[in-house]
Amino acid sequence: MLRRRLDVPLDRDGSVRFVPWVIALMVYLAAVMLATGIVVSGAVSRWDRSLAGTLTVELPPVKAGVADGMDKVVALLRATPGIEKVEPLAAEQTSALLRPWLGAEFSAADLALPRLIDVHIDPDAPPDTKALAEELATMAPGATLDDHHLWLDGLIRIARTIEIVTAVIILLIGGAAVLTIIFATRTGLAIHHGVIQVLHLIGARDGYIAAQFQWQALMLALRGGLVGIGLAALTLFAIGHAAEATRLQGSEGGLLPSVQLALPGWIALALLPLLAGLIALITARITVLRALARMP
């Protein structure tokens, strides 16, 4: 049973009333930061999967009186070793990519849009993209080859930095929680010094006295942790709702990032109150045992 008989009257100790609220704030911050790390990591994985093994060839818009080199470029790509599939995008497909941003009435005839070719490569034996880009530029002046790595690598570096910062912040929050429990436990020891001495005189062991403090710390941390995780869940749902509200019509993205956690992510968040309780229990026990060891 989590509720135990306390010989030390800790339940009437006003010095620990702030502990659940401090733990609630720390669990709230840790949950938000953990959710941020999970969302960023998932986004990086989706980008990597969606763009792995693909290239995009961009040809300049067709000008009046200038021959269209699309067929030659497609023939070159299909003849290049390491390329598995070449799919020129029709004007309507290019328009569809821009329609969520430019409006439903947008048409390819409204602007001189570049022509795009979607290329799938063999990931085990990819082509020489540098040499291929030079051939394309020679065959069709103005043609460019985008292998996505230039900007994707930059995004991945930013995402990894965010993950590291998130982990550091969570560790700092955990350290602050430990210091909070240490302070509250030492305060309780000082307030109930006389009771603890009486328990020692009647034969109570240090482990028994430590259990009085550790179970109280566990209950306080669990109480605060449940409040904190509840507030964090409401915050994440609110951000998710705002992201949906800013989603552009026909687009998968919006002005705000989508906060969608899979079941393992929600389970990790749900474990935070238990982790806070465990940290509080261990910290209180070690603090009390060290203090009692110094008592005469």
C-alpha atoms as a PDB file:
ATOM      1  CA  MET A   1       0.000   0.000   0.000  1.00  0.00           C
ATOM      2  CA  LEU A   2       1.226   3.508  -0.859  1.00  0.00           C
ATOM      3  CA  ARG A   3      -0.546   4.991   2.140  1.00  0.00           C
ATOM      4  CA  ARG A   4       1.398   4.058   5.280  1.00  0.00           C
ATOM      5  CA  ARG A   5       1.185   4.927   8.949  1.00  0.00           C
ATOM      6  CA  LEU A   6       3.546   7.802   9.711  1.00  0.00           C
ATOM      7  CA  ASP A   7       5.099   7.949  13.175  1.00  0.00           C
ATOM      8  CA  VAL A   8       6.701  11.234  12.168  1.00  0.00           C
ATOM      9  CA  PRO A   9       3.806  13.721  11.710  1.00  0.00           C
ATOM     10  CA  LEU A  10       4.859  14.745   8.216  1.00  0.00           C
ATOM     11  CA  ASP A  11       1.268  15.093   6.989  1.00  0.00           C
ATOM     12  CA  ARG A  12       0.860  18.157   9.229  1.00  0.00           C
ATOM     13  CA  ASP A  13       4.113  19.712   8.063  1.00  0.00           C
ATOM     14  CA  GLY A  14       3.378  22.972   6.238  1.00  0.00           C
ATOM     15  CA  SER A  15       6.906  23.156   4.825  1.00  0.00           C
ATOM     16  CA  VAL A  16       6.127  20.569   2.118  1.00  0.00           C
ATOM     17  CA  ARG A  17       2.900  22.081   0.836  1.00  0.00           C
ATOM     18  CA  PHE A  18       4.744  23.740  -2.037  1.00  0.00           C
ATOM     19  CA  VAL A  19       6.380  20.490  -3.200  1.00  0.00           C
ATOM     20  CA  PRO A  20       3.445  19.134  -5.293  1.00  0.00           C
ATOM     21  CA  TRP A  21       3.139  22.460  -7.121  1.00  0.00           C
ATOM     22  CA  VAL A  22       6.848  22.629  -7.860  1.00  0.00           C
ATOM     23  CA  ILE A  23       6.825  19.028  -9.078  1.00  0.00           C
ATOM     24  CA  ALA A  24       3.733  19.769 -11.182  1.00  0.00           C
ATOM     25  CA  LEU A  25       5.533  22.639 -12.891  1.00  0.00           C
ATOM     26  CA  MET A  26       8.624  20.524 -13.506  1.00  0.00           C
ATOM     27  CA  VAL A  27       6.647  17.583 -14.904  1.00  0.00           C
ATOM     28  CA  TYR A  28       4.696  20.006 -17.106  1.00  0.00           C
ATOM     29  CA  LEU A  29       7.895  21.510 -18.533  1.00  0.00           C
ATOM     30  CA  ALA A  30       9.518  18.092 -18.946  1.00  0.00           C
ATOM     31  CA  ALA A  31       6.442  16.741 -20.745  1.00  0.00           C
ATOM     32  CA  VAL A  32       6.302  19.684 -23.161  1.00  0.00           C
ATOM     33  CA  MET A  33      10.029  19.413 -23.882  1.00  0.00           C
ATOM     34  CA  LEU A  34       9.818  15.642 -24.323  1.00  0.00           C
ATOM     35  CA  ALA A  35       6.879  16.023 -26.707  1.00  0.00           C
ATOM     36  CA  THR A  36       8.893  18.605 -28.648  1.00  0.00           C
ATOM     37  CA  GLY A  37      11.794  16.189 -28.991  1.00  0.00           C
ATOM     38  CA  ILE A  38       9.503  13.363 -30.100  1.00  0.00           C
ATOM     39  CA  VAL A  39       7.743  15.553 -32.697  1.00  0.00           C
ATOM     40  CA  VAL A  40      11.039  16.846 -34.109  1.00  0.00           C
ATOM     41  CA  SER A  41      12.537  13.355 -34.257  1.00  0.00           C
ATOM     42  CA  GLY A  42       9.432  12.025 -36.011  1.00  0.00           C
ATOM     43  CA  ALA A  43       9.497  14.875 -38.535  1.00  0.00           C
ATOM     44  CA  VAL A  44      13.136  14.176 -39.379  1.00  0.00           C
ATOM     45  CA  SER A  45      12.389  10.490 -39.869  1.00  0.00           C
ATOM     46  CA  ARG A  46       9.452  11.301 -42.173  1.00  0.00           C
ATOM     47  CA  TRP A  47      11.539  13.716 -44.240  1.00  0.00           C
ATOM     48  CA  ASP A  48      14.332  11.187 -44.553  1.00  0.00           C
ATOM     49  CA  ARG A  49      11.984   8.390 -45.619  1.00  0.00           C
ATOM     50  CA  SER A  50      10.028  10.520 -48.083  1.00  0.00           C
ATOM     51  CA  LEU A  51      13.089  11.981 -49.807  1.00  0.00           C
ATOM     52  CA  ALA A  52      15.429   9.002 -49.650  1.00  0.00           C
ATOM     53  CA  GLY A  53      16.181   7.700 -53.121  1.00  0.00           C
ATOM     54  CA  THR A  54      14.597  10.628 -54.988  1.00  0.00           C
ATOM     55  CA  LEU A  55      15.880  13.475 -57.139  1.00  0.00           C
ATOM     56  CA  THR A  56      14.110  16.392 -58.770  1.00  0.00           C
ATOM     57  CA  VAL A  57      15.116  17.833 -62.138  1.00  0.00           C
ATOM     58  CA  GLU A  58      13.896  21.358 -62.790  1.00  0.00           C
ATOM     59  CA  LEU A  59      13.760  22.771 -66.302  1.00  0.00           C
ATOM     60  CA  PRO A  60      13.205  26.460 -67.002  1.00  0.00           C
ATOM     61  CA  PRO A  61       9.798  27.554 -68.325  1.00  0.00           C
ATOM     62  CA  VAL A  62       9.256  27.159 -72.044  1.00  0.00           C
ATOM     63  CA  LYS A  63       9.740  30.395 -73.968  1.00  0.00           C
ATOM     64  CA  ALA A  64       8.157  31.251 -77.284  1.00  0.00           C
ATOM     65  CA  GLY A  65      10.319  30.152 -80.195  1.00  0.00           C
ATOM     66  CA  VAL A  66      12.554  27.958 -78.007  1.00  0.00           C
ATOM     67  CA  ALA A  67      12.492  24.201 -78.467  1.00  0.00           C
ATOM     68  CA  ASP A  68      11.322  22.124 -75.526  1.00  0.00           C
ATOM     69  CA  GLY A  69      14.172  19.873 -74.355  1.00  0.00           C
ATOM     70  CA  MET A  70      11.994  17.777 -72.037  1.00  0.00           C
ATOM     71  CA  ASP A  71      12.114  14.661 -74.213  1.00  0.00           C
ATOM     72  CA  LYS A  72      15.911  14.758 -74.477  1.00  0.00           C
ATOM     73  CA  VAL A  73      16.314  15.220 -70.742  1.00  0.00           C
ATOM     74  CA  VAL A  74      13.937  12.350 -70.002  1.00  0.00           C
ATOM     75  CA  ALA A  75      15.824  10.114 -72.445  1.00  0.00           C
ATOM     76  CA  LEU A  76      19.133  11.024 -70.789  1.00  0.00           C
ATOM     77  CA  LEU A  77      17.798  10.279 -67.340  1.00  0.00           C
ATOM     78  CA  ARG A  78      16.336   6.926 -68.358  1.00  0.00           C
ATOM     79  CA  ALA A  79      19.634   5.938 -69.946  1.00  0.00           C
ATOM     80  CA  THR A  80      21.654   6.862 -66.863  1.00  0.00           C
ATOM     81  CA  PRO A  81      22.747   3.864 -64.742  1.00  0.00           C
ATOM     82  CA  GLY A  82      21.372   3.951 -61.219  1.00  0.00           C
ATOM     83  CA  ILE A  83      18.077   5.627 -62.148  1.00  0.00           C
ATOM     84  CA  GLU A  84      15.076   3.359 -61.746  1.00  0.00           C
ATOM     85  CA  LYS A  85      12.141   5.619 -62.641  1.00  0.00           C
ATOM     86  CA  VAL A  86      11.675   8.922 -64.437  1.00  0.00           C
ATOM     87  CA  GLU A  87       8.302  10.670 -64.212  1.00  0.00           C
ATOM     88  CA  PRO A  88       7.801  14.110 -65.812  1.00  0.00           C
ATOM     89  CA  LEU A  89       5.162  16.109 -63.967  1.00  0.00           C
ATOM     90  CA  ALA A  90       2.380  17.541 -66.071  1.00  0.00           C
ATOM     91  CA  ALA A  91       1.508  21.213 -65.786  1.00  0.00           C
ATOM     92  CA  GLU A  92      -1.610  20.340 -63.787  1.00  0.00           C
ATOM     93  CA  GLN A  93       0.469  18.336 -61.299  1.00  0.00           C
ATOM     94  CA  THR A  94       2.807  21.307 -60.805  1.00  0.00           C
ATOM     95  CA  SER A  95      -0.215  23.555 -60.304  1.00  0.00           C
ATOM     96  CA  ALA A  96      -1.580  21.145 -57.702  1.00  0.00           C
ATOM     97  CA  LEU A  97       1.631  21.541 -55.680  1.00  0.00           C
ATOM     98  CA  LEU A  98       1.159  25.321 -55.538  1.00  0.00           C
ATOM     99  CA  ARG A  99      -2.620  25.496 -55.334  1.00  0.00           C
ATOM    100  CA  PRO A 100      -2.778  25.221 -51.489  1.00  0.00           C
ATOM    101  CA  TRP A 101      -0.601  28.323 -51.293  1.00  0.00           C
ATOM    102  CA  LEU A 102      -1.924  30.340 -54.254  1.00  0.00           C
ATOM    103  CA  GLY A 103      -5.590  29.467 -54.066  1.00  0.00           C
ATOM    104  CA  ALA A 104      -7.990  26.981 -55.583  1.00  0.00           C
ATOM    105  CA  GLU A 105      -8.470  29.122 -58.707  1.00  0.00           C
ATOM    106  CA  PHE A 106      -4.772  29.053 -59.523  1.00  0.00           C
ATOM    107  CA  SER A 107      -3.854  27.605 -62.931  1.00  0.00           C
ATOM    108  CA  ALA A 108      -0.543  26.746 -64.547  1.00  0.00           C
ATOM    109  CA  ALA A 109      -1.338  29.245 -67.301  1.00  0.00           C
ATOM    110  CA  ASP A 110      -1.257  32.098 -64.788  1.00  0.00           C
ATOM    111  CA  LEU A 111       2.502  31.893 -64.253  1.00  0.00           C
ATOM    112  CA  ALA A 112       5.529  30.702 -66.157  1.00  0.00           C
ATOM    113  CA  LEU A 113       6.227  27.681 -63.991  1.00  0.00           C
ATOM    114  CA  PRO A 114       9.341  25.524 -64.237  1.00  0.00           C
ATOM    115  CA  ARG A 115       8.873  22.004 -65.480  1.00  0.00           C
ATOM    116  CA  LEU A 116       9.637  19.272 -62.976  1.00  0.00           C
ATOM    117  CA  ILE A 117      10.783  15.695 -63.394  1.00  0.00           C
ATOM    118  CA  ASP A 118      10.531  13.260 -60.502  1.00  0.00           C
ATOM    119  CA  VAL A 119      13.438  10.810 -60.491  1.00  0.00           C
ATOM    120  CA  HIS A 120      13.751   7.644 -58.385  1.00  0.00           C
ATOM    121  CA  ILE A 121      17.230   6.237 -57.981  1.00  0.00           C
ATOM    122  CA  ASP A 122      18.668   2.943 -56.818  1.00  0.00           C
ATOM    123  CA  PRO A 123      19.795   3.617 -53.214  1.00  0.00           C
ATOM    124  CA  ASP A 124      22.313   0.762 -53.439  1.00  0.00           C
ATOM    125  CA  ALA A 125      23.910   2.035 -56.666  1.00  0.00           C
ATOM    126  CA  PRO A 126      23.050   5.734 -57.064  1.00  0.00           C
ATOM    127  CA  PRO A 127      24.197   7.719 -60.089  1.00  0.00           C
ATOM    128  CA  ASP A 128      26.948  10.346 -60.004  1.00  0.00           C
ATOM    129  CA  THR A 129      24.747  13.368 -59.334  1.00  0.00           C
ATOM    130  CA  LYS A 130      27.525  15.892 -59.999  1.00  0.00           C
ATOM    131  CA  ALA A 131      28.304  14.488 -63.445  1.00  0.00           C
ATOM    132  CA  LEU A 132      24.594  14.122 -64.177  1.00  0.00           C
ATOM    133  CA  ALA A 133      23.945  17.767 -63.256  1.00  0.00           C
ATOM    134  CA  GLU A 134      26.699  18.873 -65.661  1.00  0.00           C
ATOM    135  CA  GLU A 135      25.216  16.779 -68.483  1.00  0.00           C
ATOM    136  CA  LEU A 136      21.762  18.215 -67.849  1.00  0.00           C
ATOM    137  CA  ALA A 137      23.075  21.784 -67.851  1.00  0.00           C
ATOM    138  CA  THR A 138      24.830  21.143 -71.169  1.00  0.00           C
ATOM    139  CA  MET A 139      21.806  19.516 -72.788  1.00  0.00           C
ATOM    140  CA  ALA A 140      19.210  21.959 -71.405  1.00  0.00           C
ATOM    141  CA  PRO A 141      20.686  25.317 -70.306  1.00  0.00           C
ATOM    142  CA  GLY A 142      19.125  26.390 -67.028  1.00  0.00           C
ATOM    143  CA  ALA A 143      18.286  22.844 -65.925  1.00  0.00           C
ATOM    144  CA  THR A 144      19.081  22.046 -62.297  1.00  0.00           C
ATOM    145  CA  LEU A 145      19.315  18.807 -60.360  1.00  0.00           C
ATOM    146  CA  ASP A 146      18.128  18.848 -56.734  1.00  0.00           C
ATOM    147  CA  ASP A 147      19.152  15.831 -54.656  1.00  0.00           C
ATOM    148  CA  HIS A 148      17.491  17.339 -51.532  1.00  0.00           C
ATOM    149  CA  HIS A 149      20.552  16.667 -49.391  1.00  0.00           C
ATOM    150  CA  LEU A 150      21.712  20.276 -49.254  1.00  0.00           C
ATOM    151  CA  TRP A 151      18.642  21.592 -47.430  1.00  0.00           C
ATOM    152  CA  LEU A 152      17.687  18.291 -45.801  1.00  0.00           C
ATOM    153  CA  ASP A 153      21.089  17.992 -44.107  1.00  0.00           C
ATOM    154  CA  GLY A 154      20.654  21.516 -42.754  1.00  0.00           C
ATOM    155  CA  LEU A 155      17.208  20.680 -41.374  1.00  0.00           C
ATOM    156  CA  ILE A 156      18.523  17.486 -39.817  1.00  0.00           C
ATOM    157  CA  ARG A 157      21.344  19.398 -38.094  1.00  0.00           C
ATOM    158  CA  ILE A 158      18.841  21.884 -36.705  1.00  0.00           C
ATOM    159  CA  ALA A 159      16.569  19.040 -35.569  1.00  0.00           C
ATOM    160  CA  ARG A 160      19.439  17.212 -33.851  1.00  0.00           C
ATOM    161  CA  THR A 161      20.409  20.436 -32.077  1.00  0.00           C
ATOM    162  CA  ILE A 162      16.831  20.829 -30.855  1.00  0.00           C
ATOM    163  CA  GLU A 163      16.865  17.233 -29.590  1.00  0.00           C
ATOM    164  CA  ILE A 164      20.125  17.785 -27.690  1.00  0.00           C
ATOM    165  CA  VAL A 165      18.875  21.034 -26.159  1.00  0.00           C
ATOM    166  CA  THR A 166      15.626  19.293 -25.197  1.00  0.00           C
ATOM    167  CA  ALA A 167      17.519  16.468 -23.490  1.00  0.00           C
ATOM    168  CA  VAL A 168      19.710  18.938 -21.586  1.00  0.00           C
ATOM    169  CA  ILE A 169      16.668  20.911 -20.411  1.00  0.00           C
ATOM    170  CA  ILE A 170      14.943  17.725 -19.219  1.00  0.00           C
ATOM    171  CA  LEU A 171      18.082  16.754 -17.280  1.00  0.00           C
ATOM    172  CA  LEU A 172      18.210  20.212 -15.696  1.00  0.00           C
ATOM    173  CA  ILE A 173      14.542  19.894 -14.725  1.00  0.00           C
ATOM    174  CA  GLY A 174      15.307  16.531 -13.143  1.00  0.00           C
ATOM    175  CA  GLY A 175      18.210  18.068 -11.236  1.00  0.00           C
ATOM    176  CA  ALA A 176      15.975  20.874  -9.982  1.00  0.00           C
ATOM    177  CA  ALA A 177      13.435  18.287  -8.815  1.00  0.00           C
ATOM    178  CA  VAL A 178      16.146  16.455  -6.882  1.00  0.00           C
ATOM    179  CA  LEU A 179      17.248  19.691  -5.189  1.00  0.00           C
ATOM    180  CA  THR A 180      13.631  20.488  -4.302  1.00  0.00           C
ATOM    181  CA  ILE A 181      13.148  17.108  -2.607  1.00  0.00           C
ATOM    182  CA  ILE A 182      16.475  17.430  -0.790  1.00  0.00           C
ATOM    183  CA  PHE A 183      15.515  20.860   0.561  1.00  0.00           C
ATOM    184  CA  ALA A 184      12.034  19.710   1.620  1.00  0.00           C
ATOM    185  CA  THR A 185      13.408  16.566   3.278  1.00  0.00           C
ATOM    186  CA  ARG A 186      16.110  18.419   5.205  1.00  0.00           C
ATOM    187  CA  THR A 187      13.505  20.932   6.349  1.00  0.00           C
ATOM    188  CA  GLY A 188      11.333  18.085   7.600  1.00  0.00           C
ATOM    189  CA  LEU A 189      14.278  16.546   9.415  1.00  0.00           C
ATOM    190  CA  ALA A 190      14.996  19.821  11.166  1.00  0.00           C
ATOM    191  CA  ILE A 191      11.362  20.392  12.138  1.00  0.00           C
ATOM    192  CA  HIS A 192      10.857  16.875  13.491  1.00  0.00           C
ATOM    193  CA  HIS A 193      14.304  16.451  15.018  1.00  0.00           C
ATOM    194  CA  GLY A 194      12.838  15.755  18.463  1.00  0.00           C
ATOM    195  CA  VAL A 195      10.436  13.087  17.215  1.00  0.00           C
ATOM    196  CA  ILE A 196      13.246  11.377  15.304  1.00  0.00           C
ATOM    197  CA  GLN A 197      15.413  11.279  18.426  1.00  0.00           C
ATOM    198  CA  VAL A 198      12.556   9.652  20.403  1.00  0.00           C
ATOM    199  CA  LEU A 199      12.120   7.032  17.683  1.00  0.00           C
ATOM    200  CA  HIS A 200      15.842   6.322  17.881  1.00  0.00           C
ATOM    201  CA  LEU A 201      15.625   5.892  21.671  1.00  0.00           C
ATOM    202  CA  ILE A 202      12.840   3.334  21.383  1.00  0.00           C
ATOM    203  CA  GLY A 203      14.834   1.305  18.857  1.00  0.00           C
ATOM    204  CA  ALA A 204      13.657   2.529  15.446  1.00  0.00           C
ATOM    205  CA  ARG A 205      16.200   1.809  12.737  1.00  0.00           C
ATOM    206  CA  ASP A 206      17.419   4.415  10.274  1.00  0.00           C
ATOM    207  CA  GLY A 207      15.742   2.579   7.411  1.00  0.00           C
ATOM    208  CA  TYR A 208      12.368   2.749   9.167  1.00  0.00           C
ATOM    209  CA  ILE A 209      12.682   6.495   9.755  1.00  0.00           C
ATOM    210  CA  ALA A 210      13.825   7.022   6.157  1.00  0.00           C
ATOM    211  CA  ALA A 211      10.727   5.147   4.975  1.00  0.00           C
ATOM    212  CA  GLN A 212       8.554   7.749   6.705  1.00  0.00           C
ATOM    213  CA  PHE A 213      10.043  10.486   4.530  1.00  0.00           C
ATOM    214  CA  GLN A 214      10.392   8.527   1.302  1.00  0.00           C
ATOM    215  CA  TRP A 215       6.732   7.470   1.138  1.00  0.00           C
ATOM    216  CA  GLN A 216       5.580  10.992   1.816  1.00  0.00           C
ATOM    217  CA  ALA A 217       7.908  12.303  -0.920  1.00  0.00           C
ATOM    218  CA  LEU A 218       6.532   9.661  -3.296  1.00  0.00           C
ATOM    219  CA  MET A 219       2.927  10.669  -2.666  1.00  0.00           C
ATOM    220  CA  LEU A 220       3.665  14.388  -2.995  1.00  0.00           C
ATOM    221  CA  ALA A 221       5.566  13.851  -6.261  1.00  0.00           C
ATOM    222  CA  LEU A 222       2.840  11.615  -7.722  1.00  0.00           C
ATOM    223  CA  ARG A 223       0.197  14.165  -6.824  1.00  0.00           C
ATOM    224  CA  GLY A 224       2.114  16.987  -8.440  1.00  0.00           C
ATOM    225  CA  GLY A 225       3.133  14.821 -11.390  1.00  0.00           C
ATOM    226  CA  LEU A 226      -0.468  13.969 -12.244  1.00  0.00           C
ATOM    227  CA  VAL A 227      -1.400  17.650 -12.212  1.00  0.00           C
ATOM    228  CA  GLY A 228       1.590  18.525 -14.372  1.00  0.00           C
ATOM    229  CA  ILE A 229       0.977  15.807 -16.960  1.00  0.00           C
ATOM    230  CA  GLY A 230      -2.705  16.760 -17.130  1.00  0.00           C
ATOM    231  CA  LEU A 231      -1.816  20.382 -17.877  1.00  0.00           C
ATOM    232  CA  ALA A 232       0.784  19.257 -20.429  1.00  0.00           C
ATOM    233  CA  ALA A 233      -1.785  17.078 -22.221  1.00  0.00           C
ATOM    234  CA  LEU A 234      -4.196  20.028 -22.403  1.00  0.00           C
ATOM    235  CA  THR A 235      -1.399  22.215 -23.793  1.00  0.00           C
ATOM    236  CA  LEU A 236      -0.475  19.677 -26.465  1.00  0.00           C
ATOM    237  CA  PHE A 237      -4.110  19.218 -27.483  1.00  0.00           C
ATOM    238  CA  ALA A 238      -4.510  23.009 -27.689  1.00  0.00           C
ATOM    239  CA  ILE A 239      -1.417  23.344 -29.895  1.00  0.00           C
ATOM    240  CA  GLY A 240      -2.644  20.476 -32.070  1.00  0.00           C
ATOM    241  CA  HIS A 241      -6.047  22.133 -32.445  1.00  0.00           C
ATOM    242  CA  ALA A 242      -4.394  25.451 -33.355  1.00  0.00           C
ATOM    243  CA  ALA A 243      -2.214  23.672 -35.917  1.00  0.00           C
ATOM    244  CA  GLU A 244      -5.294  22.128 -37.508  1.00  0.00           C
ATOM    245  CA  ALA A 245      -7.004  25.520 -37.568  1.00  0.00           C
ATOM    246  CA  THR A 246      -4.072  27.057 -39.474  1.00  0.00           C
ATOM    247  CA  ARG A 247      -3.785  24.183 -41.939  1.00  0.00           C
ATOM    248  CA  LEU A 248      -3.995  25.412 -45.495  1.00  0.00           C
ATOM    249  CA  GLN A 249      -6.725  23.877 -47.625  1.00  0.00           C
ATOM    250  CA  GLY A 250      -5.438  20.843 -49.469  1.00  0.00           C
ATOM    251  CA  SER A 251      -2.075  21.002 -47.744  1.00  0.00           C
ATOM    252  CA  GLU A 252      -0.496  18.704 -45.195  1.00  0.00           C
ATOM    253  CA  GLY A 253       1.136  21.604 -43.379  1.00  0.00           C
ATOM    254  CA  GLY A 254       0.098  24.826 -41.710  1.00  0.00           C
ATOM    255  CA  LEU A 255       1.479  27.884 -40.016  1.00  0.00           C
ATOM    256  CA  LEU A 256       2.009  25.919 -36.795  1.00  0.00           C
ATOM    257  CA  PRO A 257       3.761  22.533 -36.525  1.00  0.00           C
ATOM    258  CA  SER A 258       1.525  19.531 -36.129  1.00  0.00           C
ATOM    259  CA  VAL A 259       1.722  17.902 -32.703  1.00  0.00           C
ATOM    260  CA  GLN A 260       0.844  14.293 -33.373  1.00  0.00           C
ATOM    261  CA  LEU A 261       2.262  11.727 -30.982  1.00  0.00           C
ATOM    262  CA  ALA A 262       2.042   8.011 -31.587  1.00  0.00           C
ATOM    263  CA  LEU A 263       1.071   5.646 -28.781  1.00  0.00           C
ATOM    264  CA  PRO A 264       4.699   5.135 -27.602  1.00  0.00           C
ATOM    265  CA  GLY A 265       5.044   8.913 -27.275  1.00  0.00           C
ATOM    266  CA  TRP A 266       1.943   9.215 -25.094  1.00  0.00           C
ATOM    267  CA  ILE A 267       3.130   6.275 -23.000  1.00  0.00           C
ATOM    268  CA  ALA A 268       6.480   8.030 -22.454  1.00  0.00           C
ATOM    269  CA  LEU A 269       4.651  11.155 -21.301  1.00  0.00           C
ATOM    270  CA  ALA A 270       2.375   9.139 -19.024  1.00  0.00           C
ATOM    271  CA  LEU A 271       5.429   7.631 -17.305  1.00  0.00           C
ATOM    272  CA  LEU A 272       6.757  11.044 -16.256  1.00  0.00           C
ATOM    273  CA  PRO A 273       4.693  11.237 -13.003  1.00  0.00           C
ATOM    274  CA  LEU A 274       5.911   7.764 -12.046  1.00  0.00           C
ATOM    275  CA  LEU A 275       9.478   8.790 -12.828  1.00  0.00           C
ATOM    276  CA  ALA A 276       9.052  11.924 -10.715  1.00  0.00           C
ATOM    277  CA  GLY A 277       7.725   9.803  -7.841  1.00  0.00           C
ATOM    278  CA  LEU A 278      10.623   7.370  -8.111  1.00  0.00           C
ATOM    279  CA  ILE A 279      13.167  10.196  -8.135  1.00  0.00           C
ATOM    280  CA  ALA A 280      11.496  11.761  -5.097  1.00  0.00           C
ATOM    281  CA  LEU A 281      11.426   8.453  -3.208  1.00  0.00           C
ATOM    282  CA  ILE A 282      15.094   7.646  -3.838  1.00  0.00           C
ATOM    283  CA  THR A 283      16.242  11.205  -3.156  1.00  0.00           C
ATOM    284  CA  ALA A 284      14.345  11.438   0.132  1.00  0.00           C
ATOM    285  CA  ARG A 285      15.645   8.080   1.333  1.00  0.00           C
ATOM    286  CA  ILE A 286      19.276   8.875   0.554  1.00  0.00           C
ATOM    287  CA  THR A 287      18.973  12.326   2.130  1.00  0.00           C
ATOM    288  CA  VAL A 288      17.487  10.966   5.358  1.00  0.00           C
ATOM    289  CA  LEU A 289      19.951   8.088   5.671  1.00  0.00           C
ATOM    290  CA  ARG A 290      22.915  10.434   5.234  1.00  0.00           C
ATOM    291  CA  ALA A 291      21.495  12.866   7.779  1.00  0.00           C
ATOM    292  CA  LEU A 292      20.797  10.114  10.315  1.00  0.00           C
ATOM    293  CA  ALA A 293      24.292   8.696   9.853  1.00  0.00           C
ATOM    294  CA  ARG A 294      25.701  12.015  11.078  1.00  0.00           C
ATOM    295  CA  MET A 295      23.457  12.090  14.158  1.00  0.00           C
ATOM    296  CA  PRO A 296      25.007  10.981  17.486  1.00  0.00           C
END
